[in-house]
PDB file of N, CA and C in Angstrom:
ATOM      1  N   ARG A   1      35.464   0.904  89.822  1.00  0.00           N
ATOM      2  CA  ARG A   1      35.062   0.228  90.157  1.00  0.00           C
ATOM      3  C   ARG A   1      33.835   0.148  90.787  1.00  0.00           C
ATOM      4  N   ILE A   2      33.531   1.669  91.207  1.00  0.00           N
ATOM      5  CA  ILE A   2      32.004   1.181  91.719  1.00  0.00           C
ATOM      6  C   ILE A   2      31.059   1.078  90.725  1.00  0.00           C
ATOM      7  N   HIS A   3      31.210   1.129  89.244  1.00  0.00           N
ATOM      8  CA  HIS A   3      30.021   0.983  88.221  1.00  0.00           C
ATOM      9  C   HIS A   3      29.963   0.399  88.193  1.00  0.00           C
ATOM     10  N   PHE A   4      30.466  -1.101  88.492  1.00  0.00           N
ATOM     11  CA  PHE A   4      30.507  -2.042  88.234  1.00  0.00           C
ATOM     12  C   PHE A   4      29.550  -2.768  89.737  1.00  0.00           C
ATOM     13  N   ALA A   5      29.563  -2.457  90.751  1.00  0.00           N
ATOM     14  CA  ALA A   5      28.837  -2.562  92.148  1.00  0.00           C
ATOM     15  C   ALA A   5      27.038  -2.066  91.858  1.00  0.00           C
ATOM     16  N   ILE A   6      27.245  -0.191  91.385  1.00  0.00           N
ATOM     17  CA  ILE A   6      26.130  -0.115  92.084  1.00  0.00           C
ATOM     18  C   ILE A   6      25.551   0.205  90.877  1.00  0.00           C
ATOM     19  N   ASN A   7      24.453  -0.071  89.555  1.00  0.00           N
ATOM     20  CA  ASN A   7      23.926   0.484  88.714  1.00  0.00           C
ATOM     21  C   ASN A   7      22.634   0.691  88.263  1.00  0.00           C
ATOM     22  N   CYS A   8      22.461   0.334  86.774  1.00  0.00           N
ATOM     23  CA  CYS A   8      20.288   0.417  86.744  1.00  0.00           C
ATOM     24  C   CYS A   8      19.992  -1.255  86.897  1.00  0.00           C
ATOM     25  N   ALA A   9      19.052  -1.325  86.539  1.00  0.00           N
ATOM     26  CA  ALA A   9      18.539  -2.304  86.260  1.00  0.00           C
ATOM     27  C   ALA A   9      18.593  -3.122  85.059  1.00  0.00           C
ATOM     28  N   SER A  10      19.406  -2.973  83.887  1.00  0.00           N
ATOM     29  CA  SER A  10      18.483  -3.250  82.647  1.00  0.00           C
ATOM     30  C   SER A  10      19.874  -4.506  82.302  1.00  0.00           C
ATOM     31  N   LYS A  11      19.675  -4.982  81.634  1.00  0.00           N
ATOM     32  CA  LYS A  11      20.334  -6.532  81.407  1.00  0.00           C
ATOM     33  C   LYS A  11      21.794  -6.432  80.548  1.00  0.00           C
ATOM     34  N   SER A  12      21.971  -5.829  80.250  1.00  0.00           N
ATOM     35  CA  SER A  12      23.558  -5.091  80.073  1.00  0.00           C
ATOM     36  C   SER A  12      24.186  -4.383  81.340  1.00  0.00           C
ATOM     37  N   CYS A  13      23.355  -4.343  82.586  1.00  0.00           N
ATOM     38  CA  CYS A  13      24.189  -3.056  83.534  1.00  0.00           C
ATOM     39  C   CYS A  13      24.385  -4.810  84.317  1.00  0.00           C
ATOM     40  N   PRO A  14      25.790  -4.269  85.550  1.00  0.00           N
ATOM     41  CA  PRO A  14      26.535  -4.885  85.890  1.00  0.00           C
ATOM     42  C   PRO A  14      25.536  -5.493  87.094  1.00  0.00           C
ATOM     43  N   LYS A  15      25.080  -7.251  87.250  1.00  0.00           N
ATOM     44  CA  LYS A  15      24.665  -7.974  88.618  1.00  0.00           C
ATOM     45  C   LYS A  15      25.175  -7.219  89.777  1.00  0.00           C
ATOM     46  N   LEU A  16      23.998  -7.201  90.468  1.00  0.00           N
ATOM     47  CA  LEU A  16      24.002  -6.630  91.433  1.00  0.00           C
ATOM     48  C   LEU A  16      24.561  -7.493  92.662  1.00  0.00           C
ATOM     49  N   LEU A  17      25.271  -7.584  93.818  1.00  0.00           N
ATOM     50  CA  LEU A  17      25.616  -8.240  94.614  1.00  0.00           C
ATOM     51  C   LEU A  17      24.684  -9.140  95.486  1.00  0.00           C
ATOM     52  N   ASN A  18      24.370 -10.013  95.398  1.00  0.00           N
ATOM     53  CA  ASN A  18      23.556 -10.793  96.461  1.00  0.00           C
ATOM     54  C   ASN A  18      24.434 -10.750  98.299  1.00  0.00           C
ATOM     55  N   GLU A  19      24.639  -9.900  98.480  1.00  0.00           N
ATOM     56  CA  GLU A  19      24.720  -9.121  99.462  1.00  0.00           C
ATOM     57  C   GLU A  19      25.075  -8.204 100.312  1.00  0.00           C
ATOM     58  N   ALA A  20      25.650  -7.012 101.030  1.00  0.00           N
ATOM     59  CA  ALA A  20      25.322  -6.049 101.507  1.00  0.00           C
ATOM     60  C   ALA A  20      26.985  -5.590 101.233  1.00  0.00           C
ATOM     61  N   TYR A  21      27.207  -4.699 100.635  1.00  0.00           N
ATOM     62  CA  TYR A  21      28.625  -3.651 101.009  1.00  0.00           C
ATOM     63  C   TYR A  21      28.691  -4.001 102.766  1.00  0.00           C
ATOM     64  N   GLN A  22      30.452  -4.181 103.184  1.00  0.00           N
ATOM     65  CA  GLN A  22      30.588  -3.634 103.824  1.00  0.00           C
ATOM     66  C   GLN A  22      31.404  -3.199 103.793  1.00  0.00           C
ATOM     67  N   GLU A  23      31.948  -2.269 105.503  1.00  0.00           N
ATOM     68  CA  GLU A  23      32.858  -1.088 105.138  1.00  0.00           C
ATOM     69  C   GLU A  23      34.485  -1.807 105.311  1.00  0.00           C
ATOM     70  N   LYS A  24      34.830  -3.180 105.951  1.00  0.00           N
ATOM     71  CA  LYS A  24      36.010  -4.384 106.658  1.00  0.00           C
ATOM     72  C   LYS A  24      36.020  -5.067 104.915  1.00  0.00           C
ATOM     73  N   LYS A  25      35.235  -4.938 103.770  1.00  0.00           N
ATOM     74  CA  LYS A  25      35.151  -6.047 102.674  1.00  0.00           C
ATOM     75  C   LYS A  25      35.050  -5.099 101.356  1.00  0.00           C
ATOM     76  N   LEU A  26      35.085  -4.529 101.591  1.00  0.00           N
ATOM     77  CA  LEU A  26      34.925  -3.096 100.094  1.00  0.00           C
ATOM     78  C   LEU A  26      35.613  -3.457  98.995  1.00  0.00           C
ATOM     79  N   ASN A  27      36.871  -2.802  99.825  1.00  0.00           N
ATOM     80  CA  ASN A  27      37.693  -2.751  98.831  1.00  0.00           C
ATOM     81  C   ASN A  27      37.834  -4.136  97.910  1.00  0.00           C
ATOM     82  N   ASN A  28      37.907  -5.717  98.483  1.00  0.00           N
ATOM     83  CA  ASN A  28      37.813  -6.921  97.501  1.00  0.00           C
ATOM     84  C   ASN A  28      35.952  -6.970  97.658  1.00  0.00           C
ATOM     85  N   GLN A  29      35.271  -6.859  97.393  1.00  0.00           N
ATOM     86  CA  GLN A  29      33.770  -6.478  97.168  1.00  0.00           C
ATOM     87  C   GLN A  29      33.816  -6.190  96.069  1.00  0.00           C
ATOM     88  N   LEU A  30      34.642  -4.396  95.628  1.00  0.00           N
ATOM     89  CA  LEU A  30      34.260  -3.727  94.220  1.00  0.00           C
ATOM     90  C   LEU A  30      35.134  -4.797  93.512  1.00  0.00           C
ATOM     91  N   ASP A  31      36.346  -5.019  93.809  1.00  0.00           N
ATOM     92  CA  ASP A  31      37.739  -5.583  93.091  1.00  0.00           C
ATOM     93  C   ASP A  31      36.845  -7.296  92.183  1.00  0.00           C
ATOM     94  N   GLN A  32      36.323  -8.113  92.720  1.00  0.00           N
ATOM     95  CA  GLN A  32      35.134  -9.047  92.949  1.00  0.00           C
ATOM     96  C   GLN A  32      34.086  -8.224  91.840  1.00  0.00           C
ATOM     97  N   ALA A  33      33.324  -7.728  92.262  1.00  0.00           N
ATOM     98  CA  ALA A  33      31.889  -6.988  91.211  1.00  0.00           C
ATOM     99  C   ALA A  33      33.394  -6.572  89.757  1.00  0.00           C
ATOM    100  N   THR A  34      34.134  -5.977  89.473  1.00  0.00           N
ATOM    101  CA  THR A  34      34.763  -5.434  88.467  1.00  0.00           C
ATOM    102  C   THR A  34      35.291  -6.556  87.535  1.00  0.00           C
ATOM    103  N   ARG A  35      35.781  -7.833  88.543  1.00  0.00           N
ATOM    104  CA  ARG A  35      36.145  -8.689  87.245  1.00  0.00           C
ATOM    105  C   ARG A  35      35.082  -9.737  86.820  1.00  0.00           C
ATOM    106  N   ASN A  36      33.989  -9.886  88.403  1.00  0.00           N
ATOM    107  CA  ASN A  36      32.502 -10.604  87.446  1.00  0.00           C
ATOM    108  C   ASN A  36      32.068  -9.782  85.880  1.00  0.00           C
ATOM    109  N   PHE A  37      31.717  -8.325  86.178  1.00  0.00           N
ATOM    110  CA  PHE A  37      31.564  -8.294  85.168  1.00  0.00           C
ATOM    111  C   PHE A  37      32.647  -8.253  84.008  1.00  0.00           C
ATOM    112  N   LEU A  38      33.695  -7.746  83.883  1.00  0.00           N
ATOM    113  CA  LEU A  38      34.465  -7.504  82.841  1.00  0.00           C
ATOM    114  C   LEU A  38      34.906  -9.425  82.304  1.00  0.00           C
ATOM    115  N   SER A  39      34.612 -10.562  83.144  1.00  0.00           N
ATOM    116  CA  SER A  39      34.648 -11.336  82.726  1.00  0.00           C
ATOM    117  C   SER A  39      33.127 -12.352  81.758  1.00  0.00           C
ATOM    118  N   ASP A  40      31.904 -10.888  82.082  1.00  0.00           N
ATOM    119  CA  ASP A  40      30.468 -11.533  81.677  1.00  0.00           C
ATOM    120  C   ASP A  40      30.395 -11.483  79.802  1.00  0.00           C
ATOM    121  N   SER A  41      30.835 -12.748  78.979  1.00  0.00           N
ATOM    122  CA  SER A  41      30.703 -12.387  77.832  1.00  0.00           C
ATOM    123  C   SER A  41      29.325 -11.857  77.536  1.00  0.00           C
ATOM    124  N   THR A  42      28.496 -11.812  78.083  1.00  0.00           N
ATOM    125  CA  THR A  42      27.363 -10.848  77.641  1.00  0.00           C
ATOM    126  C   THR A  42      27.248  -9.147  77.706  1.00  0.00           C
ATOM    127  N   LYS A  43      29.013  -9.011  78.265  1.00  0.00           N
ATOM    128  CA  LYS A  43      28.143  -7.400  78.781  1.00  0.00           C
ATOM    129  C   LYS A  43      29.756  -6.642  77.999  1.00  0.00           C
ATOM    130  N   ASN A  44      31.163  -7.706  77.988  1.00  0.00           N
ATOM    131  CA  ASN A  44      32.361  -7.197  77.832  1.00  0.00           C
ATOM    132  C   ASN A  44      32.868  -8.844  77.053  1.00  0.00           C
ATOM    133  N   ILE A  45      33.600  -7.856  75.318  1.00  0.00           N
ATOM    134  CA  ILE A  45      34.209  -9.523  74.690  1.00  0.00           C
ATOM    135  C   ILE A  45      35.224  -8.956  74.806  1.00  0.00           C
ATOM    136  N   LEU A  46      36.626  -9.727  75.597  1.00  0.00           N
ATOM    137  CA  LEU A  46      37.566  -9.352  75.709  1.00  0.00           C
ATOM    138  C   LEU A  46      39.223 -10.662  75.151  1.00  0.00           C
ATOM    139  N   ASN A  47      39.775  -9.901  74.756  1.00  0.00           N
ATOM    140  CA  ASN A  47      41.456 -10.808  74.392  1.00  0.00           C
ATOM    141  C   ASN A  47      42.293  -9.910  73.908  1.00  0.00           C
ATOM    142  N   ASN A  48      43.808  -9.869  73.244  1.00  0.00           N
ATOM    143  CA  ASN A  48      45.086  -9.320  73.338  1.00  0.00           C
ATOM    144  C   ASN A  48      44.276  -8.367  72.036  1.00  0.00           C
ATOM    145  N   LEU A  49      43.794  -8.781  71.502  1.00  0.00           N
ATOM    146  CA  LEU A  49      44.284  -7.829  70.278  1.00  0.00           C
ATOM    147  C   LEU A  49      41.931  -7.653  70.004  1.00  0.00           C
ATOM    148  N   GLU A  50      41.143  -7.724  70.373  1.00  0.00           N
ATOM    149  CA  GLU A  50      39.981  -6.855  70.345  1.00  0.00           C
ATOM    150  C   GLU A  50      39.547  -6.889  71.610  1.00  0.00           C
ATOM    151  N   LEU A  51      38.489  -5.769  72.239  1.00  0.00           N
ATOM    152  CA  LEU A  51      37.972  -5.352  73.388  1.00  0.00           C
ATOM    153  C   LEU A  51      36.488  -5.184  72.539  1.00  0.00           C
ATOM    154  N   LYS A  52      35.566  -5.918  73.155  1.00  0.00           N
ATOM    155  CA  LYS A  52      34.131  -5.577  73.124  1.00  0.00           C
ATOM    156  C   LYS A  52      34.004  -5.055  73.978  1.00  0.00           C
ATOM    157  N   LEU A  53      33.751  -3.900  74.073  1.00  0.00           N
ATOM    158  CA  LEU A  53      33.561  -3.405  75.658  1.00  0.00           C
ATOM    159  C   LEU A  53      31.659  -2.879  75.948  1.00  0.00           C
ATOM    160  N   SER A  54      31.500  -3.534  76.470  1.00  0.00           N
ATOM    161  CA  SER A  54      30.166  -2.234  77.178  1.00  0.00           C
ATOM    162  C   SER A  54      30.520  -0.574  77.692  1.00  0.00           C
ATOM    163  N   LYS A  55      29.096  -0.244  76.713  1.00  0.00           N
ATOM    164  CA  LYS A  55      29.170   0.640  76.621  1.00  0.00           C
ATOM    165  C   LYS A  55      29.336   2.016  77.826  1.00  0.00           C
ATOM    166  N   ILE A  56      29.383   1.420  78.789  1.00  0.00           N
ATOM    167  CA  ILE A  56      29.617   1.794  80.226  1.00  0.00           C
ATOM    168  C   ILE A  56      31.442   2.979  80.281  1.00  0.00           C
ATOM    169  N   PHE A  57      31.961   2.097  80.126  1.00  0.00           N
ATOM    170  CA  PHE A  57      33.834   2.230  79.694  1.00  0.00           C
ATOM    171  C   PHE A  57      33.418   3.263  78.528  1.00  0.00           C
ATOM    172  N   LEU A  58      32.582   4.163  77.503  1.00  0.00           N
ATOM    173  CA  LEU A  58      32.477   4.464  76.639  1.00  0.00           C
ATOM    174  C   LEU A  58      31.888   6.028  77.448  1.00  0.00           C
ATOM    175  N   TRP A  59      30.224   5.639  78.258  1.00  0.00           N
ATOM    176  CA  TRP A  59      29.744   6.219  78.780  1.00  0.00           C
ATOM    177  C   TRP A  59      30.382   7.463  79.925  1.00  0.00           C
ATOM    178  N   TYR A  60      31.136   6.505  81.058  1.00  0.00           N
ATOM    179  CA  TYR A  60      31.336   7.356  82.028  1.00  0.00           C
ATOM    180  C   TYR A  60      33.210   7.380  81.676  1.00  0.00           C
ATOM    181  N   GLY A  61      34.099   7.069  80.414  1.00  0.00           N
ATOM    182  CA  GLY A  61      35.165   6.952  80.275  1.00  0.00           C
ATOM    183  C   GLY A  61      36.278   8.626  80.740  1.00  0.00           C
ATOM    184  N   ASN A  62      35.828   8.979  81.148  1.00  0.00           N
ATOM    185  CA  ASN A  62      37.136  10.441  82.408  1.00  0.00           C
ATOM    186  C   ASN A  62      36.924   9.351  83.575  1.00  0.00           C
ATOM    187  N   ASP A  63      36.130   8.373  84.021  1.00  0.00           N
ATOM    188  CA  ASP A  63      36.355   7.779  85.427  1.00  0.00           C
ATOM    189  C   ASP A  63      37.289   7.039  85.092  1.00  0.00           C
ATOM    190  N   PHE A  64      37.606   6.661  84.063  1.00  0.00           N
ATOM    191  CA  PHE A  64      38.407   5.289  83.980  1.00  0.00           C
ATOM    192  C   PHE A  64      40.006   6.011  83.256  1.00  0.00           C
ATOM    193  N   GLY A  65      40.520   7.255  82.847  1.00  0.00           N
ATOM    194  CA  GLY A  65      41.269   8.053  82.651  1.00  0.00           C
ATOM    195  C   GLY A  65      41.656   7.952  81.350  1.00  0.00           C
ATOM    196  N   SER A  66      42.560   8.278  80.948  1.00  0.00           N
ATOM    197  CA  SER A  66      43.734   8.095  79.387  1.00  0.00           C
ATOM    198  C   SER A  66      43.138   6.686  79.089  1.00  0.00           C
ATOM    199  N   LYS A  67      43.183   6.973  77.445  1.00  0.00           N
ATOM    200  CA  LYS A  67      43.259   4.848  76.567  1.00  0.00           C
ATOM    201  C   LYS A  67      44.068   4.368  77.089  1.00  0.00           C
ATOM    202  N   GLU A  68      45.255   4.290  77.760  1.00  0.00           N
ATOM    203  CA  GLU A  68      46.181   3.588  78.306  1.00  0.00           C
ATOM    204  C   GLU A  68      45.729   3.673  79.933  1.00  0.00           C
ATOM    205  N   GLU A  69      45.336   4.530  80.212  1.00  0.00           N
ATOM    206  CA  GLU A  69      44.422   3.766  82.152  1.00  0.00           C
ATOM    207  C   GLU A  69      43.833   3.182  81.933  1.00  0.00           C
ATOM    208  N   ARG A  70      42.570   2.951  80.919  1.00  0.00           N
ATOM    209  CA  ARG A  70      41.989   2.348  80.147  1.00  0.00           C
ATOM    210  C   ARG A  70      41.824   0.639  80.542  1.00  0.00           C
ATOM    211  N   LEU A  71      42.986   0.815  79.335  1.00  0.00           N
ATOM    212  CA  LEU A  71      43.407  -0.320  79.055  1.00  0.00           C
ATOM    213  C   LEU A  71      44.092  -0.990  80.203  1.00  0.00           C
ATOM    214  N   ASN A  72      44.988  -0.554  80.736  1.00  0.00           N
ATOM    215  CA  ASN A  72      45.608  -1.203  81.961  1.00  0.00           C
ATOM    216  C   ASN A  72      44.908  -1.380  83.537  1.00  0.00           C
ATOM    217  N   PHE A  73      43.856  -0.998  83.320  1.00  0.00           N
ATOM    218  CA  PHE A  73      42.922  -1.296  84.342  1.00  0.00           C
ATOM    219  C   PHE A  73      41.653  -2.575  83.426  1.00  0.00           C
ATOM    220  N   ILE A  74      41.311  -2.321  82.572  1.00  0.00           N
ATOM    221  CA  ILE A  74      41.202  -3.438  82.335  1.00  0.00           C
ATOM    222  C   ILE A  74      42.172  -5.132  82.153  1.00  0.00           C
ATOM    223  N   ALA A  75      43.055  -4.666  81.922  1.00  0.00           N
ATOM    224  CA  ALA A  75      44.146  -5.868  82.209  1.00  0.00           C
ATOM    225  C   ALA A  75      44.027  -6.219  83.181  1.00  0.00           C
ATOM    226  N   LYS A  76      44.352  -4.927  84.518  1.00  0.00           N
ATOM    227  CA  LYS A  76      44.176  -5.350  85.996  1.00  0.00           C
ATOM    228  C   LYS A  76      43.748  -6.407  86.541  1.00  0.00           C
ATOM    229  N   TYR A  77      42.150  -6.556  85.891  1.00  0.00           N
ATOM    230  CA  TYR A  77      41.091  -7.646  86.862  1.00  0.00           C
ATOM    231  C   TYR A  77      40.754  -8.168  85.788  1.00  0.00           C
ATOM    232  N   SER A  78      41.021  -7.819  83.670  1.00  0.00           N
ATOM    233  CA  SER A  78      40.485  -9.083  83.576  1.00  0.00           C
ATOM    234  C   SER A  78      41.320 -10.276  83.032  1.00  0.00           C
ATOM    235  N   ASP A  79      43.272 -10.560  83.770  1.00  0.00           N
ATOM    236  CA  ASP A  79      44.299 -10.767  84.160  1.00  0.00           C
ATOM    237  C   ASP A  79      44.724 -11.062  82.208  1.00  0.00           C
ATOM    238  N   ILE A  80      44.807 -10.241  81.374  1.00  0.00           N
ATOM    239  CA  ILE A  80      45.108 -10.622  80.070  1.00  0.00           C
ATOM    240  C   ILE A  80      45.755  -9.693  79.650  1.00  0.00           C
ATOM    241  N   VAL A  81      46.408 -10.004  78.945  1.00  0.00           N
ATOM    242  CA  VAL A  81      47.574  -9.401  77.937  1.00  0.00           C
ATOM    243  C   VAL A  81      46.853  -8.855  76.947  1.00  0.00           C
ATOM    244  N   ILE A  82      47.449  -7.431  77.441  1.00  0.00           N
ATOM    245  CA  ILE A  82      46.124  -6.026  76.357  1.00  0.00           C
ATOM    246  C   ILE A  82      47.573  -5.809  75.416  1.00  0.00           C
ATOM    247  N   GLU A  83      47.655  -5.752  73.838  1.00  0.00           N
ATOM    248  CA  GLU A  83      48.519  -4.872  73.304  1.00  0.00           C
ATOM    249  C   GLU A  83      47.990  -4.295  71.856  1.00  0.00           C
ATOM    250  N   ARG A  84      47.865  -3.249  72.203  1.00  0.00           N
ATOM    251  CA  ARG A  84      47.538  -2.288  70.807  1.00  0.00           C
ATOM    252  C   ARG A  84      45.709  -3.145  70.362  1.00  0.00           C
ATOM    253  N   PRO A  85      44.762  -3.398  71.358  1.00  0.00           N
ATOM    254  CA  PRO A  85      43.718  -3.361  70.815  1.00  0.00           C
ATOM    255  C   PRO A  85      42.912  -2.615  70.116  1.00  0.00           C
ATOM    256  N   ASN A  86      42.383  -3.499  68.927  1.00  0.00           N
ATOM    257  CA  ASN A  86      40.712  -2.280  68.229  1.00  0.00           C
ATOM    258  C   ASN A  86      39.692  -2.379  70.114  1.00  0.00           C
ATOM    259  N   ILE A  87      39.160  -0.922  70.081  1.00  0.00           N
ATOM    260  CA  ILE A  87      38.420  -1.281  70.525  1.00  0.00           C
ATOM    261  C   ILE A  87      36.936  -0.933  70.193  1.00  0.00           C
ATOM    262  N   ASN A  88      35.885  -2.005  70.750  1.00  0.00           N
ATOM    263  CA  ASN A  88      34.471  -1.462  69.995  1.00  0.00           C
ATOM    264  C   ASN A  88      33.410  -1.438  71.121  1.00  0.00           C
ATOM    265  N   TYR A  89      32.661  -0.707  71.164  1.00  0.00           N
ATOM    266  CA  TYR A  89      31.732  -0.881  72.417  1.00  0.00           C
ATOM    267  C   TYR A  89      30.379  -2.306  72.071  1.00  0.00           C
ATOM    268  N   MET A  90      30.096  -2.729  72.721  1.00  0.00           N
ATOM    269  CA  MET A  90      28.696  -3.598  72.236  1.00  0.00           C
ATOM    270  C   MET A  90      27.770  -2.648  72.322  1.00  0.00           C
ATOM    271  N   ASN A  91      26.094  -3.394  71.705  1.00  0.00           N
ATOM    272  CA  ASN A  91      25.151  -2.593  72.039  1.00  0.00           C
ATOM    273  C   ASN A  91      24.602  -2.792  73.641  1.00  0.00           C
ATOM    274  N   TYR A  92      24.149  -2.184  73.771  1.00  0.00           N
ATOM    275  CA  TYR A  92      23.459  -1.780  75.192  1.00  0.00           C
ATOM    276  C   TYR A  92      22.135  -2.337  75.534  1.00  0.00           C
ATOM    277  N   ASN A  93      21.563  -3.453  76.424  1.00  0.00           N
ATOM    278  CA  ASN A  93      20.145  -3.076  76.386  1.00  0.00           C
ATOM    279  C   ASN A  93      19.598  -2.874  77.664  1.00  0.00           C
ATOM    280  N   TRP A  94      18.520  -2.000  77.098  1.00  0.00           N
ATOM    281  CA  TRP A  94      18.165  -1.817  78.386  1.00  0.00           C
ATOM    282  C   TRP A  94      16.969  -2.229  78.792  1.00  0.00           C
ATOM    283  N   ASP A  95      16.978  -3.798  78.090  1.00  0.00           N
ATOM    284  CA  ASP A  95      15.429  -4.483  78.907  1.00  0.00           C
ATOM    285  C   ASP A  95      16.147  -4.665  80.331  1.00  0.00           C
ATOM    286  N   LEU A  96      14.747  -4.838  81.223  1.00  0.00           N
ATOM    287  CA  LEU A  96      14.785  -5.068  82.506  1.00  0.00           C
ATOM    288  C   LEU A  96      15.184  -6.437  82.887  1.00  0.00           C
ATOM    289  N   ASN A  97      16.072  -6.747  83.613  1.00  0.00           N
ATOM    290  CA  ASN A  97      16.815  -7.441  84.117  1.00  0.00           C
ATOM    291  C   ASN A  97      16.044  -8.683  85.148  1.00  0.00           C
ATOM    292  N   GLN A  98      16.150 -10.195  84.724  1.00  0.00           N
ATOM    293  CA  GLN A  98      15.750 -10.636  85.730  1.00  0.00           C
ATOM    294  C   GLN A  98      15.796 -10.649  87.072  1.00  0.00           C
TER     295      GLN A  98
END
């Protein structure tokens, strides 16, 4: 989840939280950052038959585990049912965000 909380300042990166991360709220903040990133259609396009994922999932694939673990992670934080989807990766926009 940390990949979706702190990252670079490009357009394809996750949006930074507009508050400080706090120990007592950290799990909820990381959950929300992950949900926000997965639901942003400029970064991921998700449906049960096809996933167009951010290249973060490709570049840091080991952090997300096996393909099955990655799909379980996405399903958990996106609340969609995933059934053997085709997986593709979106182009990464390195332009600076605003």
